[in-house]
């Protein structure tokens, strides 16, 4: 039996559609991205997410005032669809989530190098007593760095690693990114 989706925090909109795909927004809406979701466009007034070992990449085009964010759980999957099969991509995986963002900006005839990027998350959320270290946060951070370099985004802000969660908010009217470390506020 599938587990129910966690309700969105107060002041945000729930996200209809695929649980691991593009979030849809209306003008002025506050979006809360769940793991595996992403958004690119200009409709919401802000996009927010909460990260542990997951990583978020934010993008903002200062001239066109368009941008987005993805929230991925794992760097990549072993049996990924062929490159270019965007309809089969899954936002839970970093390489595919960023590929979907790039696909959207290319539809607007924009180049990745025109975008300001931020990279957040990748906390080590597994206590040392667990006995097994999967290093998911570290692997997600490494994928985030690789993707930013590969696509040529202008990296402006980074807050990765450590042992604490982060809340990341992208204001869609200004491109300003706010990061709060620790428990949600």
N, C-alpha and C. Protein backbone atom coordinates (compact mmCIF):
# COMPACT_ATOMS: atom_id res chain seq x y z
N UNK A 1 0.84 -1.19 0.00
CA UNK A 1 0.00 0.00 0.00
C UNK A 1 0.88 1.24 0.00
N UNK A 2 0.69 2.19 -0.91
CA UNK A 2 1.52 3.37 -0.97
C UNK A 2 1.32 4.24 0.26
N UNK A 3 2.41 4.87 0.70
CA UNK A 3 2.31 5.74 1.86
C UNK A 3 1.76 7.09 1.43
N UNK A 4 0.96 7.73 2.29
CA UNK A 4 0.41 9.04 1.92
C UNK A 4 1.51 10.08 1.90
N UNK A 5 1.34 11.09 1.05
CA UNK A 5 2.30 12.18 0.95
C UNK A 5 2.19 13.07 2.17
N UNK A 6 3.33 13.51 2.70
CA UNK A 6 3.33 14.41 3.84
C UNK A 6 2.67 15.72 3.44
N UNK A 7 1.78 16.26 4.28
CA UNK A 7 1.12 17.51 3.91
C UNK A 7 2.12 18.66 3.86
N UNK A 8 1.83 19.61 3.01
CA UNK A 8 2.69 20.78 2.87
C UNK A 8 2.58 21.65 4.11
N UNK A 9 3.67 22.32 4.50
CA UNK A 9 3.63 23.21 5.65
C UNK A 9 2.64 24.35 5.43
N UNK A 10 2.18 24.97 6.53
CA UNK A 10 1.25 26.10 6.39
C UNK A 10 1.82 27.19 5.48
N UNK A 11 0.97 27.79 4.67
CA UNK A 11 1.40 28.87 3.79
C UNK A 11 1.98 28.40 2.48
N UNK A 12 1.97 27.09 2.24
CA UNK A 12 2.49 26.57 0.99
C UNK A 12 1.39 25.78 0.30
N UNK A 13 1.60 25.49 -0.95
CA UNK A 13 0.61 24.73 -1.71
C UNK A 13 1.04 23.28 -1.78
N UNK A 14 0.09 22.39 -1.82
CA UNK A 14 0.41 20.99 -2.05
C UNK A 14 0.75 20.84 -3.53
N UNK A 15 1.45 19.79 -3.85
CA UNK A 15 1.93 19.60 -5.21
C UNK A 15 1.22 18.44 -5.88
N UNK A 16 0.31 18.75 -6.82
CA UNK A 16 -0.36 17.68 -7.53
C UNK A 16 0.57 17.05 -8.56
N UNK A 17 0.17 15.94 -9.09
CA UNK A 17 0.93 15.33 -10.18
C UNK A 17 1.86 14.25 -9.68
N UNK A 18 2.84 13.94 -10.48
CA UNK A 18 3.79 12.87 -10.16
C UNK A 18 4.52 13.19 -8.86
N UNK A 19 4.66 12.21 -7.95
CA UNK A 19 5.35 12.47 -6.71
C UNK A 19 6.85 12.67 -6.91
N UNK A 20 7.40 12.26 -8.07
CA UNK A 20 8.82 12.41 -8.31
C UNK A 20 9.06 13.11 -9.64
N UNK A 21 8.36 14.20 -9.88
CA UNK A 21 8.49 14.90 -11.14
C UNK A 21 8.30 16.38 -10.96
N UNK A 22 7.91 17.03 -12.04
CA UNK A 22 7.75 18.47 -12.04
C UNK A 22 6.56 18.89 -11.19
N UNK A 23 6.78 19.87 -10.34
CA UNK A 23 5.71 20.47 -9.56
C UNK A 23 5.04 21.53 -10.42
N UNK A 24 3.74 21.66 -10.30
CA UNK A 24 3.00 22.66 -11.06
C UNK A 24 2.61 23.80 -10.13
N UNK A 25 2.68 25.03 -10.63
CA UNK A 25 2.44 26.18 -9.78
C UNK A 25 1.53 27.19 -10.45
N UNK A 26 0.92 28.01 -9.63
CA UNK A 26 0.09 29.13 -10.08
C UNK A 26 0.77 30.42 -9.63
N UNK A 27 0.45 31.51 -10.28
CA UNK A 27 1.04 32.81 -9.95
C UNK A 27 0.85 33.12 -8.47
N UNK A 28 1.91 33.54 -7.82
CA UNK A 28 1.87 33.95 -6.42
C UNK A 28 1.91 32.82 -5.42
N UNK A 29 1.87 31.60 -5.87
CA UNK A 29 1.84 30.44 -4.99
C UNK A 29 3.20 30.23 -4.31
N UNK A 30 3.19 29.68 -3.11
CA UNK A 30 4.39 29.23 -2.43
C UNK A 30 4.46 27.72 -2.59
N UNK A 31 5.51 27.23 -3.25
CA UNK A 31 5.67 25.79 -3.47
C UNK A 31 6.58 25.19 -2.41
N UNK A 32 6.23 24.01 -1.95
CA UNK A 32 7.10 23.24 -1.08
C UNK A 32 7.44 21.97 -1.85
N UNK A 33 8.73 21.81 -2.22
CA UNK A 33 9.15 20.64 -2.98
C UNK A 33 9.44 19.48 -2.04
N UNK A 34 8.86 18.35 -2.34
CA UNK A 34 9.15 17.11 -1.64
C UNK A 34 10.34 16.46 -2.35
N UNK A 35 11.00 15.48 -1.69
CA UNK A 35 12.11 14.78 -2.35
C UNK A 35 11.69 14.22 -3.71
N UNK A 36 12.52 14.44 -4.71
CA UNK A 36 12.26 13.96 -6.06
C UNK A 36 11.48 14.94 -6.92
N UNK A 37 11.05 16.06 -6.37
CA UNK A 37 10.30 17.04 -7.15
C UNK A 37 11.21 18.18 -7.59
N UNK A 38 10.78 18.83 -8.66
CA UNK A 38 11.52 19.98 -9.20
C UNK A 38 10.52 20.93 -9.83
N UNK A 39 10.97 22.17 -9.99
CA UNK A 39 10.14 23.18 -10.66
C UNK A 39 11.06 24.13 -11.42
N UNK A 40 10.61 24.54 -12.60
CA UNK A 40 11.31 25.57 -13.36
C UNK A 40 10.25 26.45 -14.00
N UNK A 41 10.41 27.75 -13.89
CA UNK A 41 9.47 28.69 -14.50
C UNK A 41 9.50 30.02 -13.78
N UNK A 42 8.34 30.69 -13.72
CA UNK A 42 8.28 32.00 -13.06
C UNK A 42 6.98 32.20 -12.29
N UNK A 43 6.14 31.20 -12.16
CA UNK A 43 4.83 31.35 -11.55
C UNK A 43 4.81 31.55 -10.04
N UNK A 44 5.46 30.67 -9.25
CA UNK A 44 5.30 30.82 -7.80
C UNK A 44 6.06 32.03 -7.28
N UNK A 45 5.66 32.52 -6.11
CA UNK A 45 6.42 33.62 -5.52
C UNK A 45 7.65 33.09 -4.80
N UNK A 46 7.60 31.83 -4.35
CA UNK A 46 8.79 31.23 -3.76
C UNK A 46 8.71 29.71 -3.86
N UNK A 47 9.90 29.10 -3.81
CA UNK A 47 10.03 27.66 -3.78
C UNK A 47 10.84 27.33 -2.54
N UNK A 48 10.37 26.36 -1.77
CA UNK A 48 11.05 25.99 -0.53
C UNK A 48 11.16 24.48 -0.45
N UNK A 49 12.23 24.01 0.22
CA UNK A 49 12.37 22.59 0.49
C UNK A 49 13.17 22.38 1.76
N UNK A 50 13.07 21.20 2.32
CA UNK A 50 13.79 20.82 3.53
C UNK A 50 14.73 19.68 3.16
N UNK A 51 16.01 19.82 3.51
CA UNK A 51 17.03 18.86 3.11
C UNK A 51 17.73 18.22 4.31
N UNK A 52 18.01 16.93 4.18
CA UNK A 52 18.90 16.22 5.08
C UNK A 52 20.09 15.79 4.22
N UNK A 53 20.14 14.48 3.88
CA UNK A 53 21.21 14.00 3.00
C UNK A 53 20.92 14.32 1.54
N UNK A 54 19.69 14.72 1.23
CA UNK A 54 19.34 15.12 -0.13
C UNK A 54 20.04 16.43 -0.49
N UNK A 55 20.06 16.75 -1.76
CA UNK A 55 20.69 17.97 -2.26
C UNK A 55 19.69 18.75 -3.10
N UNK A 56 19.75 20.07 -2.99
CA UNK A 56 18.96 20.96 -3.84
C UNK A 56 19.91 21.80 -4.67
N UNK A 57 19.56 21.96 -5.93
CA UNK A 57 20.24 22.90 -6.83
C UNK A 57 19.21 23.95 -7.20
N UNK A 58 19.55 25.22 -7.00
CA UNK A 58 18.67 26.30 -7.43
C UNK A 58 19.29 26.98 -8.64
N UNK A 59 18.45 27.46 -9.54
CA UNK A 59 18.90 28.18 -10.73
C UNK A 59 18.10 29.47 -10.84
N UNK A 60 18.77 30.55 -11.28
CA UNK A 60 18.10 31.84 -11.46
C UNK A 60 18.75 32.58 -12.62
N UNK A 61 17.92 33.10 -13.51
CA UNK A 61 18.39 33.92 -14.62
C UNK A 61 18.03 35.36 -14.29
N UNK A 62 19.01 36.20 -13.94
CA UNK A 62 18.69 37.56 -13.50
C UNK A 62 18.06 38.43 -14.58
N UNK A 63 18.40 38.24 -15.83
CA UNK A 63 17.83 39.05 -16.89
C UNK A 63 16.40 38.68 -17.23
N UNK A 64 16.13 37.40 -17.31
CA UNK A 64 14.80 36.91 -17.68
C UNK A 64 13.89 36.67 -16.47
N UNK A 65 14.46 36.71 -15.26
CA UNK A 65 13.71 36.52 -14.01
C UNK A 65 12.92 35.21 -14.02
N UNK A 66 13.64 34.15 -14.38
CA UNK A 66 13.07 32.80 -14.40
C UNK A 66 14.07 31.88 -13.72
N UNK A 67 13.56 30.85 -13.08
CA UNK A 67 14.46 29.95 -12.39
C UNK A 67 13.75 28.74 -11.86
N UNK A 68 14.45 28.03 -11.00
CA UNK A 68 13.85 26.83 -10.44
C UNK A 68 14.73 26.16 -9.43
N UNK A 69 14.26 24.99 -9.00
CA UNK A 69 14.96 24.22 -7.99
C UNK A 69 14.62 22.75 -8.20
N UNK A 70 15.60 21.89 -7.88
CA UNK A 70 15.34 20.46 -7.81
C UNK A 70 15.81 19.96 -6.45
N UNK A 71 15.19 18.89 -5.97
CA UNK A 71 15.50 18.27 -4.68
C UNK A 71 15.69 16.79 -4.96
N UNK A 72 16.97 16.35 -5.00
CA UNK A 72 17.20 14.95 -5.33
C UNK A 72 17.71 14.14 -4.15
N UNK A 73 17.38 12.84 -4.16
CA UNK A 73 17.68 11.92 -3.07
C UNK A 73 18.98 11.15 -3.27
N UNK A 74 19.27 10.79 -4.52
CA UNK A 74 20.44 9.98 -4.85
C UNK A 74 21.13 10.57 -6.07
N UNK A 75 22.44 10.33 -6.20
CA UNK A 75 23.16 10.94 -7.33
C UNK A 75 22.68 10.46 -8.70
N UNK A 76 22.52 9.14 -8.88
CA UNK A 76 22.08 8.59 -10.16
C UNK A 76 21.58 7.17 -9.95
N UNK A 77 20.86 6.66 -10.94
CA UNK A 77 20.40 5.27 -10.85
C UNK A 77 21.21 4.41 -11.81
N UNK A 78 21.23 3.13 -11.51
CA UNK A 78 22.03 2.21 -12.31
C UNK A 78 21.43 1.95 -13.69
N UNK A 79 20.13 1.83 -13.78
CA UNK A 79 19.47 1.54 -15.05
C UNK A 79 18.72 2.76 -15.55
N UNK A 80 19.45 3.82 -15.77
CA UNK A 80 18.85 5.08 -16.21
C UNK A 80 18.39 4.99 -17.65
N UNK A 81 17.38 5.79 -18.01
CA UNK A 81 16.96 5.83 -19.41
C UNK A 81 18.07 6.42 -20.28
N UNK A 82 17.97 6.19 -21.56
CA UNK A 82 18.97 6.71 -22.50
C UNK A 82 19.01 8.23 -22.44
N UNK A 83 20.20 8.81 -22.63
CA UNK A 83 20.29 10.28 -22.65
C UNK A 83 19.32 10.87 -23.66
N UNK A 84 18.66 11.94 -23.25
CA UNK A 84 17.70 12.60 -24.13
C UNK A 84 16.27 12.13 -23.95
N UNK A 85 16.05 11.04 -23.21
CA UNK A 85 14.68 10.53 -22.97
C UNK A 85 14.10 11.25 -21.76
N UNK A 86 13.92 12.55 -21.86
CA UNK A 86 13.52 13.39 -20.74
C UNK A 86 12.20 12.92 -20.12
N UNK A 87 11.28 12.42 -20.91
CA UNK A 87 9.99 11.97 -20.38
C UNK A 87 10.12 10.78 -19.44
N UNK A 88 11.24 10.08 -19.49
CA UNK A 88 11.47 8.92 -18.64
C UNK A 88 12.35 9.25 -17.44
N UNK A 89 12.84 10.48 -17.36
CA UNK A 89 13.71 10.85 -16.25
C UNK A 89 12.93 10.90 -14.94
N UNK A 90 13.65 10.73 -13.84
CA UNK A 90 13.06 10.68 -12.50
C UNK A 90 13.79 11.70 -11.63
N UNK A 91 13.04 12.62 -11.03
CA UNK A 91 13.61 13.69 -10.22
C UNK A 91 14.27 13.24 -8.93
N UNK A 92 14.16 11.98 -8.58
CA UNK A 92 14.83 11.48 -7.36
C UNK A 92 16.33 11.38 -7.55
N UNK A 93 16.79 11.38 -8.81
CA UNK A 93 18.20 11.20 -9.12
C UNK A 93 18.80 12.50 -9.64
N UNK A 94 19.93 12.90 -9.06
CA UNK A 94 20.53 14.19 -9.37
C UNK A 94 20.79 14.45 -10.83
N UNK A 95 21.42 13.50 -11.52
CA UNK A 95 21.74 13.72 -12.92
C UNK A 95 20.48 13.91 -13.76
N UNK A 96 19.40 13.20 -13.42
CA UNK A 96 18.16 13.32 -14.18
C UNK A 96 17.39 14.57 -13.80
N UNK A 97 17.38 14.94 -12.52
CA UNK A 97 16.67 16.15 -12.07
C UNK A 97 17.27 17.39 -12.73
N UNK A 98 18.58 17.48 -12.75
CA UNK A 98 19.22 18.65 -13.36
C UNK A 98 19.04 18.62 -14.87
N UNK A 99 19.05 17.43 -15.47
CA UNK A 99 18.80 17.34 -16.92
C UNK A 99 17.41 17.87 -17.27
N UNK A 100 16.43 17.63 -16.40
CA UNK A 100 15.08 18.14 -16.66
C UNK A 100 15.05 19.66 -16.54
N UNK A 101 15.78 20.23 -15.57
CA UNK A 101 15.86 21.68 -15.45
C UNK A 101 16.50 22.27 -16.71
N UNK A 102 17.60 21.66 -17.14
CA UNK A 102 18.30 22.14 -18.35
C UNK A 102 17.38 22.04 -19.57
N UNK A 103 16.63 20.98 -19.67
CA UNK A 103 15.69 20.82 -20.79
C UNK A 103 14.69 21.99 -20.81
N UNK A 104 14.18 22.36 -19.63
CA UNK A 104 13.22 23.46 -19.54
C UNK A 104 13.85 24.79 -19.94
N UNK A 105 15.06 25.07 -19.48
CA UNK A 105 15.67 26.36 -19.83
C UNK A 105 16.04 26.41 -21.30
N UNK A 106 16.40 25.27 -21.87
CA UNK A 106 16.70 25.23 -23.31
C UNK A 106 15.45 25.47 -24.15
N UNK A 107 14.28 25.04 -23.66
CA UNK A 107 13.03 25.31 -24.38
C UNK A 107 12.78 26.81 -24.47
N UNK A 108 13.33 27.59 -23.54
CA UNK A 108 13.21 29.05 -23.57
C UNK A 108 14.36 29.70 -24.34
N UNK A 109 15.18 28.86 -24.98
CA UNK A 109 16.34 29.33 -25.77
C UNK A 109 17.38 30.03 -24.87
N UNK A 110 17.52 29.53 -23.64
CA UNK A 110 18.50 30.05 -22.70
C UNK A 110 19.62 29.03 -22.53
N UNK A 111 20.80 29.53 -22.18
CA UNK A 111 21.96 28.66 -21.98
C UNK A 111 22.25 28.52 -20.49
N UNK A 112 22.70 27.34 -20.04
CA UNK A 112 23.01 27.14 -18.63
C UNK A 112 23.99 28.17 -18.06
N UNK A 113 24.96 28.60 -18.85
CA UNK A 113 25.95 29.57 -18.38
C UNK A 113 25.37 30.93 -18.02
N UNK A 114 24.13 31.19 -18.41
CA UNK A 114 23.46 32.45 -18.08
C UNK A 114 22.81 32.39 -16.69
N UNK A 115 22.81 31.23 -16.06
CA UNK A 115 22.10 31.03 -14.80
C UNK A 115 23.04 31.04 -13.60
N UNK A 116 22.57 31.66 -12.53
CA UNK A 116 23.26 31.63 -11.24
C UNK A 116 22.75 30.40 -10.51
N UNK A 117 23.68 29.60 -9.99
CA UNK A 117 23.31 28.36 -9.30
C UNK A 117 23.74 28.40 -7.85
N UNK A 118 22.99 27.67 -7.03
CA UNK A 118 23.33 27.45 -5.63
C UNK A 118 23.23 25.95 -5.38
N UNK A 119 24.05 25.45 -4.44
CA UNK A 119 24.09 24.03 -4.11
C UNK A 119 23.98 23.88 -2.59
N UNK A 120 22.98 23.11 -2.13
CA UNK A 120 22.74 22.97 -0.70
C UNK A 120 22.40 21.54 -0.33
N UNK A 121 22.70 21.19 0.92
CA UNK A 121 22.29 19.91 1.48
C UNK A 121 23.43 18.94 1.62
N UNK A 122 23.11 17.65 1.53
CA UNK A 122 24.12 16.60 1.64
C UNK A 122 24.61 16.35 3.04
N UNK A 123 23.76 16.58 4.05
CA UNK A 123 24.16 16.35 5.43
C UNK A 123 24.37 14.85 5.68
N UNK A 124 25.26 14.54 6.60
CA UNK A 124 25.47 13.17 7.04
C UNK A 124 24.45 12.91 8.13
N UNK A 125 23.34 12.28 7.75
CA UNK A 125 22.24 12.08 8.69
C UNK A 125 22.27 10.72 9.37
N UNK A 126 23.24 9.88 9.03
CA UNK A 126 23.36 8.56 9.66
C UNK A 126 24.34 8.66 10.82
N UNK A 127 23.92 8.34 12.04
CA UNK A 127 24.83 8.41 13.18
C UNK A 127 25.95 7.39 13.04
N UNK A 128 27.09 7.70 13.64
CA UNK A 128 28.25 6.81 13.57
C UNK A 128 27.95 5.43 14.17
N UNK A 129 27.01 5.35 15.09
CA UNK A 129 26.68 4.09 15.74
C UNK A 129 25.94 3.14 14.81
N UNK A 130 25.49 3.58 13.67
CA UNK A 130 24.71 2.72 12.78
C UNK A 130 25.53 1.55 12.25
N UNK A 131 26.85 1.65 12.25
CA UNK A 131 27.70 0.56 11.82
C UNK A 131 27.92 0.50 10.31
N UNK A 132 27.04 1.08 9.52
CA UNK A 132 27.18 1.08 8.06
C UNK A 132 27.12 2.52 7.59
N UNK A 133 28.12 2.92 6.84
CA UNK A 133 28.16 4.27 6.28
C UNK A 133 27.88 4.19 4.79
N UNK A 134 26.76 4.76 4.37
CA UNK A 134 26.41 4.76 2.95
C UNK A 134 26.91 6.02 2.25
N UNK A 135 27.26 7.04 3.02
CA UNK A 135 27.78 8.29 2.47
C UNK A 135 26.88 8.89 1.39
N UNK A 136 25.57 8.78 1.58
CA UNK A 136 24.63 9.30 0.59
C UNK A 136 24.80 10.80 0.43
N UNK A 137 24.91 11.54 1.54
CA UNK A 137 25.10 12.98 1.47
C UNK A 137 26.34 13.36 0.68
N UNK A 138 27.46 12.70 0.97
CA UNK A 138 28.71 12.98 0.25
C UNK A 138 28.57 12.70 -1.24
N UNK A 139 27.95 11.58 -1.57
CA UNK A 139 27.78 11.23 -2.99
C UNK A 139 26.86 12.22 -3.70
N UNK A 140 25.82 12.70 -3.00
CA UNK A 140 24.92 13.70 -3.59
C UNK A 140 25.65 15.02 -3.82
N UNK A 141 26.48 15.42 -2.85
CA UNK A 141 27.25 16.66 -3.00
C UNK A 141 28.17 16.56 -4.22
N UNK A 142 28.87 15.44 -4.33
CA UNK A 142 29.79 15.26 -5.46
C UNK A 142 29.05 15.35 -6.79
N UNK A 143 27.86 14.73 -6.86
CA UNK A 143 27.08 14.80 -8.10
C UNK A 143 26.66 16.25 -8.37
N UNK A 144 26.25 16.97 -7.33
CA UNK A 144 25.88 18.38 -7.50
C UNK A 144 27.01 19.20 -8.09
N UNK A 145 28.22 19.02 -7.55
CA UNK A 145 29.40 19.74 -8.08
C UNK A 145 29.62 19.39 -9.55
N UNK A 146 29.58 18.09 -9.84
CA UNK A 146 29.82 17.65 -11.22
C UNK A 146 28.81 18.24 -12.19
N UNK A 147 27.55 18.26 -11.79
CA UNK A 147 26.50 18.78 -12.68
C UNK A 147 26.63 20.28 -12.91
N UNK A 148 26.96 21.01 -11.87
CA UNK A 148 27.16 22.46 -12.03
C UNK A 148 28.33 22.74 -12.97
N UNK A 149 29.43 22.00 -12.79
CA UNK A 149 30.58 22.15 -13.67
C UNK A 149 30.26 21.72 -15.10
N UNK A 150 29.62 20.57 -15.26
CA UNK A 150 29.31 20.02 -16.59
C UNK A 150 28.46 20.98 -17.41
N UNK A 151 27.47 21.60 -16.78
CA UNK A 151 26.56 22.47 -17.52
C UNK A 151 27.04 23.91 -17.58
N UNK A 152 28.03 24.28 -16.78
CA UNK A 152 28.58 25.63 -16.85
C UNK A 152 27.76 26.69 -16.13
N UNK A 153 26.98 26.29 -15.12
CA UNK A 153 26.24 27.27 -14.32
C UNK A 153 27.22 28.15 -13.55
N UNK A 154 26.81 29.38 -13.24
CA UNK A 154 27.62 30.30 -12.44
C UNK A 154 27.31 30.02 -10.97
N UNK A 155 28.21 29.35 -10.28
CA UNK A 155 27.99 28.99 -8.88
C UNK A 155 28.16 30.21 -7.99
N UNK A 156 27.13 30.49 -7.19
CA UNK A 156 27.13 31.68 -6.34
C UNK A 156 27.05 31.35 -4.86
N UNK A 157 26.37 30.27 -4.48
CA UNK A 157 26.21 29.95 -3.07
C UNK A 157 26.29 28.46 -2.83
N UNK A 158 26.97 28.08 -1.73
CA UNK A 158 27.13 26.68 -1.37
C UNK A 158 27.04 26.55 0.14
N UNK A 159 26.28 25.57 0.59
CA UNK A 159 26.25 25.18 2.00
C UNK A 159 25.94 23.69 2.01
N UNK A 160 26.98 22.86 2.10
CA UNK A 160 26.83 21.42 1.99
C UNK A 160 27.55 20.71 3.14
N UNK A 161 27.17 19.44 3.33
CA UNK A 161 27.82 18.60 4.32
C UNK A 161 27.31 18.85 5.73
N UNK A 162 28.17 18.59 6.71
CA UNK A 162 27.85 18.75 8.13
C UNK A 162 26.85 17.68 8.56
N UNK A 163 26.19 17.89 9.68
CA UNK A 163 25.27 16.89 10.23
C UNK A 163 23.89 17.45 10.50
N UNK A 164 23.56 18.60 9.92
CA UNK A 164 22.29 19.24 10.25
C UNK A 164 21.44 19.48 9.00
N UNK A 165 20.12 19.45 9.17
CA UNK A 165 19.24 19.73 8.03
C UNK A 165 19.24 21.20 7.66
N UNK A 166 18.74 21.48 6.47
CA UNK A 166 18.66 22.85 5.97
C UNK A 166 17.29 23.06 5.33
N UNK A 167 16.76 24.27 5.51
CA UNK A 167 15.58 24.70 4.77
C UNK A 167 16.07 25.73 3.76
N UNK A 168 15.75 25.50 2.49
CA UNK A 168 16.21 26.37 1.41
C UNK A 168 14.98 27.02 0.77
N UNK A 169 15.04 28.34 0.59
CA UNK A 169 13.95 29.07 -0.04
C UNK A 169 14.50 29.94 -1.16
N UNK A 170 13.90 29.82 -2.35
CA UNK A 170 14.25 30.63 -3.51
C UNK A 170 13.10 31.60 -3.76
N UNK A 171 13.38 32.91 -3.65
CA UNK A 171 12.38 33.94 -3.95
C UNK A 171 12.38 34.16 -5.46
N UNK A 172 11.26 33.90 -6.09
CA UNK A 172 11.20 33.93 -7.54
C UNK A 172 11.10 35.33 -8.13
N UNK A 173 10.89 36.34 -7.32
CA UNK A 173 10.86 37.70 -7.86
C UNK A 173 12.26 38.32 -7.91
N UNK A 174 13.17 37.84 -7.06
CA UNK A 174 14.51 38.43 -6.98
C UNK A 174 15.64 37.45 -7.24
N UNK A 175 15.36 36.15 -7.12
CA UNK A 175 16.41 35.15 -7.23
C UNK A 175 17.18 34.96 -5.93
N UNK A 176 16.80 35.68 -4.90
CA UNK A 176 17.46 35.57 -3.59
C UNK A 176 17.22 34.18 -3.00
N UNK A 177 18.30 33.56 -2.48
CA UNK A 177 18.19 32.25 -1.85
C UNK A 177 18.51 32.41 -0.37
N UNK A 178 17.63 31.87 0.47
CA UNK A 178 17.83 31.90 1.92
C UNK A 178 17.98 30.47 2.41
N UNK A 179 18.97 30.25 3.27
CA UNK A 179 19.22 28.94 3.85
C UNK A 179 19.16 29.07 5.36
N UNK A 180 18.36 28.22 5.96
CA UNK A 180 18.29 28.14 7.43
C UNK A 180 18.80 26.78 7.83
N UNK A 181 19.78 26.77 8.73
CA UNK A 181 20.37 25.53 9.20
C UNK A 181 19.68 25.11 10.49
N UNK A 182 19.50 23.80 10.65
CA UNK A 182 18.89 23.28 11.86
C UNK A 182 17.42 22.98 11.64
N UNK A 183 16.70 22.94 12.72
CA UNK A 183 15.27 22.62 12.66
C UNK A 183 14.52 23.68 11.87
N UNK A 184 13.36 23.23 11.31
CA UNK A 184 12.53 24.16 10.52
C UNK A 184 12.00 25.28 11.39
N UNK A 185 11.85 26.42 10.78
CA UNK A 185 11.33 27.61 11.49
C UNK A 185 9.94 27.91 11.02
